[in-house]
Amino acid sequence: VTPSVPSAGAGRVEVPRSVTAVLGQDVVLPCRYRAQEQEQVVQVTWLKRGPGAAPAEVAVLNPQHGEHVQEAFAGRVLRHGHGDLEDGAIVLRN
């Protein structure tokens, strides 16, 4: 699962190269955007990418419209942080 990032921004997205998960336990998928002056993160979209398949939307984090998790991931995907979306991390449960 990866966050969708527009290419026009001047800031920098920081995500680990890989995250190790233990079967049956929760895992945090970090994503931090280092905004430049005058930039503001207004939405974070997480996508699931698989070999030979089109990316599928997992979750959208938006401070005005709230969080939306696709039904296939309902109850398993939660926002990890609070406040500004510069921290767009999510938790995958179980």
N, C-alpha and C. Protein backbone atom coordinates (compact mmCIF):
# COMPACT_ATOMS: atom_id res chain seq x y z
N VAL A 1 0.86 -1.16 0.00
CA VAL A 1 0.00 0.00 0.00
C VAL A 1 0.91 1.22 0.00
N THR A 2 0.62 2.17 -0.90
CA THR A 2 1.44 3.38 -0.97
C THR A 2 0.55 4.61 -1.02
N PRO A 3 1.04 5.74 -0.48
CA PRO A 3 0.27 6.97 -0.58
C PRO A 3 0.42 7.54 -1.98
N SER A 4 -0.63 8.16 -2.48
CA SER A 4 -0.61 8.82 -3.77
C SER A 4 -0.08 10.23 -3.57
N VAL A 5 0.91 10.63 -4.35
CA VAL A 5 1.56 11.93 -4.18
C VAL A 5 1.58 12.68 -5.51
N PRO A 6 0.97 13.87 -5.57
CA PRO A 6 1.06 14.65 -6.81
C PRO A 6 2.48 15.11 -7.04
N SER A 7 2.87 15.27 -8.28
CA SER A 7 4.26 15.61 -8.60
C SER A 7 4.54 17.10 -8.60
N ALA A 8 3.54 17.95 -8.47
CA ALA A 8 3.75 19.39 -8.60
C ALA A 8 4.32 20.05 -7.35
N GLY A 9 4.23 19.40 -6.19
CA GLY A 9 4.67 20.02 -4.94
C GLY A 9 6.16 20.20 -4.85
N ALA A 10 6.58 21.15 -4.04
CA ALA A 10 8.00 21.40 -3.85
C ALA A 10 8.51 20.71 -2.59
N GLY A 11 7.61 20.20 -1.78
CA GLY A 11 8.01 19.53 -0.56
C GLY A 11 8.52 18.13 -0.84
N ARG A 12 8.70 17.35 0.22
CA ARG A 12 9.29 16.01 0.09
C ARG A 12 8.46 14.99 0.87
N VAL A 13 8.15 13.89 0.23
CA VAL A 13 7.45 12.80 0.89
C VAL A 13 8.48 11.85 1.48
N GLU A 14 8.29 11.48 2.74
CA GLU A 14 9.21 10.56 3.41
C GLU A 14 8.44 9.30 3.79
N VAL A 15 8.81 8.20 3.16
CA VAL A 15 8.24 6.89 3.47
C VAL A 15 9.38 5.89 3.55
N PRO A 16 9.27 4.90 4.42
CA PRO A 16 10.33 3.89 4.46
C PRO A 16 10.32 3.05 3.19
N ARG A 17 11.46 2.53 2.84
CA ARG A 17 11.57 1.67 1.65
C ARG A 17 10.73 0.41 1.80
N SER A 18 10.68 -0.12 3.03
CA SER A 18 9.84 -1.29 3.30
C SER A 18 9.41 -1.25 4.76
N VAL A 19 8.31 -1.94 5.04
CA VAL A 19 7.79 -2.07 6.39
C VAL A 19 7.52 -3.55 6.62
N THR A 20 8.00 -4.07 7.74
CA THR A 20 7.79 -5.48 8.07
C THR A 20 6.56 -5.60 8.96
N ALA A 21 5.70 -6.53 8.62
CA ALA A 21 4.49 -6.77 9.40
C ALA A 21 4.51 -8.21 9.91
N VAL A 22 3.91 -8.42 11.08
CA VAL A 22 3.77 -9.75 11.65
C VAL A 22 2.33 -10.19 11.46
N LEU A 23 2.13 -11.36 10.88
CA LEU A 23 0.80 -11.88 10.63
C LEU A 23 -0.05 -11.86 11.90
N GLY A 24 -1.23 -11.25 11.80
CA GLY A 24 -2.13 -11.21 12.94
C GLY A 24 -1.95 -10.01 13.85
N GLN A 25 -0.94 -9.16 13.58
CA GLN A 25 -0.72 -7.98 14.41
C GLN A 25 -0.90 -6.71 13.58
N ASP A 26 -1.09 -5.59 14.28
CA ASP A 26 -1.23 -4.30 13.61
C ASP A 26 0.13 -3.82 13.12
N VAL A 27 0.10 -3.03 12.05
CA VAL A 27 1.32 -2.43 11.54
C VAL A 27 1.02 -0.99 11.11
N VAL A 28 1.96 -0.09 11.40
CA VAL A 28 1.84 1.31 10.99
C VAL A 28 2.57 1.48 9.66
N LEU A 29 1.88 2.10 8.71
CA LEU A 29 2.51 2.46 7.43
C LEU A 29 2.75 3.97 7.48
N PRO A 30 4.00 4.37 7.73
CA PRO A 30 4.29 5.80 7.89
C PRO A 30 4.30 6.53 6.54
N CYS A 31 3.94 7.79 6.60
CA CYS A 31 4.04 8.68 5.44
C CYS A 31 4.06 10.10 5.97
N ARG A 32 5.17 10.79 5.77
CA ARG A 32 5.29 12.18 6.23
C ARG A 32 5.64 13.05 5.04
N TYR A 33 4.96 14.19 4.96
CA TYR A 33 5.25 15.16 3.91
C TYR A 33 5.93 16.36 4.54
N ARG A 34 7.14 16.64 4.10
CA ARG A 34 7.90 17.80 4.58
C ARG A 34 7.55 18.97 3.67
N ALA A 35 6.55 19.74 4.11
CA ALA A 35 6.03 20.85 3.30
C ALA A 35 7.02 22.01 3.27
N GLN A 36 7.02 22.69 2.16
CA GLN A 36 7.76 23.94 2.04
C GLN A 36 6.85 25.08 2.52
N GLU A 37 7.41 26.25 2.68
CA GLU A 37 6.63 27.40 3.11
C GLU A 37 5.48 27.63 2.14
N GLN A 38 4.33 27.97 2.66
CA GLN A 38 3.11 28.24 1.90
C GLN A 38 2.42 26.97 1.38
N GLU A 39 2.96 25.80 1.66
CA GLU A 39 2.30 24.56 1.25
C GLU A 39 1.43 24.04 2.38
N GLN A 40 0.35 23.36 2.00
CA GLN A 40 -0.52 22.73 2.99
C GLN A 40 -1.04 21.44 2.38
N VAL A 41 -1.01 20.38 3.16
CA VAL A 41 -1.53 19.10 2.70
C VAL A 41 -3.04 19.12 2.91
N VAL A 42 -3.80 18.93 1.83
CA VAL A 42 -5.26 18.99 1.94
C VAL A 42 -5.90 17.61 1.82
N GLN A 43 -5.15 16.62 1.36
CA GLN A 43 -5.70 15.27 1.26
C GLN A 43 -4.57 14.27 1.08
N VAL A 44 -4.74 13.09 1.69
CA VAL A 44 -3.82 11.98 1.50
C VAL A 44 -4.66 10.80 1.01
N THR A 45 -4.23 10.20 -0.10
CA THR A 45 -4.91 9.04 -0.64
C THR A 45 -3.95 7.86 -0.62
N TRP A 46 -4.37 6.76 0.00
CA TRP A 46 -3.57 5.53 0.03
C TRP A 46 -4.10 4.58 -1.02
N LEU A 47 -3.18 3.98 -1.78
CA LEU A 47 -3.52 3.05 -2.85
C LEU A 47 -2.85 1.71 -2.60
N LYS A 48 -3.52 0.64 -2.99
CA LYS A 48 -2.92 -0.69 -2.95
C LYS A 48 -2.49 -1.04 -4.37
N ARG A 49 -1.21 -1.36 -4.50
CA ARG A 49 -0.67 -1.73 -5.81
C ARG A 49 -0.25 -3.19 -5.79
N GLY A 50 -0.59 -3.88 -6.84
CA GLY A 50 -0.21 -5.29 -6.94
C GLY A 50 0.32 -5.56 -8.34
N PRO A 51 1.06 -6.63 -8.50
CA PRO A 51 1.60 -6.96 -9.82
C PRO A 51 0.47 -7.23 -10.81
N GLY A 52 0.53 -6.55 -11.94
CA GLY A 52 -0.43 -6.78 -13.01
C GLY A 52 -1.82 -6.24 -12.74
N ALA A 53 -2.03 -5.51 -11.67
CA ALA A 53 -3.35 -4.97 -11.36
C ALA A 53 -3.28 -3.46 -11.26
N ALA A 54 -4.39 -2.82 -11.59
CA ALA A 54 -4.46 -1.36 -11.45
C ALA A 54 -4.47 -1.01 -9.96
N PRO A 55 -3.88 0.13 -9.59
CA PRO A 55 -3.92 0.54 -8.18
C PRO A 55 -5.37 0.66 -7.69
N ALA A 56 -5.63 0.20 -6.48
CA ALA A 56 -6.96 0.28 -5.90
C ALA A 56 -6.93 1.20 -4.68
N GLU A 57 -7.89 2.09 -4.59
CA GLU A 57 -7.95 3.01 -3.47
C GLU A 57 -8.25 2.26 -2.18
N VAL A 58 -7.49 2.57 -1.14
CA VAL A 58 -7.68 1.96 0.18
C VAL A 58 -8.37 2.95 1.11
N ALA A 59 -7.80 4.16 1.19
CA ALA A 59 -8.33 5.16 2.11
C ALA A 59 -8.00 6.56 1.63
N VAL A 60 -8.87 7.49 1.99
CA VAL A 60 -8.66 8.91 1.71
C VAL A 60 -8.78 9.65 3.03
N LEU A 61 -7.77 10.44 3.36
CA LEU A 61 -7.76 11.26 4.57
C LEU A 61 -7.93 12.71 4.15
N ASN A 62 -8.99 13.36 4.61
CA ASN A 62 -9.27 14.73 4.23
C ASN A 62 -9.83 15.47 5.45
N PRO A 63 -9.18 16.57 5.86
CA PRO A 63 -9.63 17.25 7.09
C PRO A 63 -11.02 17.86 6.98
N GLN A 64 -11.46 18.24 5.78
CA GLN A 64 -12.79 18.83 5.61
C GLN A 64 -13.88 17.78 5.50
N HIS A 65 -13.58 16.69 4.82
CA HIS A 65 -14.60 15.69 4.54
C HIS A 65 -14.43 14.42 5.37
N GLY A 66 -13.43 14.40 6.23
CA GLY A 66 -13.21 13.24 7.09
C GLY A 66 -12.41 12.15 6.39
N GLU A 67 -12.44 11.00 6.99
CA GLU A 67 -11.70 9.86 6.47
C GLU A 67 -12.67 8.90 5.79
N HIS A 68 -12.26 8.39 4.65
CA HIS A 68 -13.08 7.41 3.94
C HIS A 68 -12.23 6.19 3.66
N VAL A 69 -12.69 5.04 4.13
CA VAL A 69 -11.99 3.78 3.90
C VAL A 69 -12.89 2.92 3.02
N GLN A 70 -12.31 2.38 1.95
CA GLN A 70 -13.08 1.51 1.06
C GLN A 70 -13.62 0.32 1.85
N GLU A 71 -14.79 -0.14 1.47
CA GLU A 71 -15.48 -1.19 2.21
C GLU A 71 -14.62 -2.44 2.43
N ALA A 72 -13.82 -2.80 1.44
CA ALA A 72 -12.97 -4.00 1.58
C ALA A 72 -11.99 -3.88 2.75
N PHE A 73 -11.69 -2.64 3.18
CA PHE A 73 -10.73 -2.41 4.26
C PHE A 73 -11.39 -1.84 5.51
N ALA A 74 -12.71 -1.75 5.52
CA ALA A 74 -13.42 -1.18 6.67
C ALA A 74 -13.09 -1.95 7.94
N GLY A 75 -12.80 -1.21 9.00
CA GLY A 75 -12.45 -1.83 10.28
C GLY A 75 -11.01 -2.30 10.37
N ARG A 76 -10.28 -2.26 9.24
CA ARG A 76 -8.89 -2.71 9.25
C ARG A 76 -7.90 -1.57 8.99
N VAL A 77 -8.39 -0.43 8.49
CA VAL A 77 -7.51 0.70 8.19
C VAL A 77 -7.97 1.90 9.01
N LEU A 78 -7.03 2.49 9.76
CA LEU A 78 -7.30 3.65 10.58
C LEU A 78 -6.21 4.68 10.38
N ARG A 79 -6.55 5.94 10.54
CA ARG A 79 -5.51 6.96 10.52
C ARG A 79 -4.68 6.82 11.79
N HIS A 80 -3.38 6.90 11.66
CA HIS A 80 -2.48 6.74 12.80
C HIS A 80 -2.30 8.05 13.57
N GLY A 81 -2.13 9.14 12.86
CA GLY A 81 -1.86 10.43 13.50
C GLY A 81 -3.12 11.25 13.70
N HIS A 82 -2.91 12.43 14.24
CA HIS A 82 -3.99 13.40 14.43
C HIS A 82 -3.48 14.75 13.97
N GLY A 83 -4.39 15.67 13.72
CA GLY A 83 -3.98 17.01 13.35
C GLY A 83 -3.64 17.11 11.87
N ASP A 84 -2.62 17.91 11.57
CA ASP A 84 -2.24 18.17 10.18
C ASP A 84 -1.96 16.90 9.42
N LEU A 85 -2.28 16.92 8.13
CA LEU A 85 -2.06 15.76 7.28
C LEU A 85 -0.62 15.61 6.81
N GLU A 86 0.27 16.44 7.31
CA GLU A 86 1.68 16.23 6.98
C GLU A 86 2.12 14.87 7.50
N ASP A 87 1.42 14.37 8.54
CA ASP A 87 1.59 13.00 8.99
C ASP A 87 0.37 12.22 8.48
N GLY A 88 0.55 11.52 7.37
CA GLY A 88 -0.54 10.78 6.75
C GLY A 88 -0.46 9.29 6.99
N ALA A 89 0.16 8.88 8.08
CA ALA A 89 0.34 7.46 8.39
C ALA A 89 -1.00 6.79 8.64
N ILE A 90 -1.07 5.50 8.29
CA ILE A 90 -2.24 4.69 8.58
C ILE A 90 -1.82 3.44 9.34
N VAL A 91 -2.79 2.83 10.00
CA VAL A 91 -2.58 1.55 10.70
C VAL A 91 -3.39 0.50 9.95
N LEU A 92 -2.73 -0.62 9.62
CA LEU A 92 -3.43 -1.79 9.11
C LEU A 92 -3.60 -2.73 10.29
N ARG A 93 -4.85 -3.07 10.60
CA ARG A 93 -5.11 -3.93 11.75
C ARG A 93 -5.16 -5.38 11.33
N ASN A 94 -4.57 -6.23 12.18
CA ASN A 94 -4.61 -7.68 12.00
C ASN A 94 -4.19 -8.10 10.60
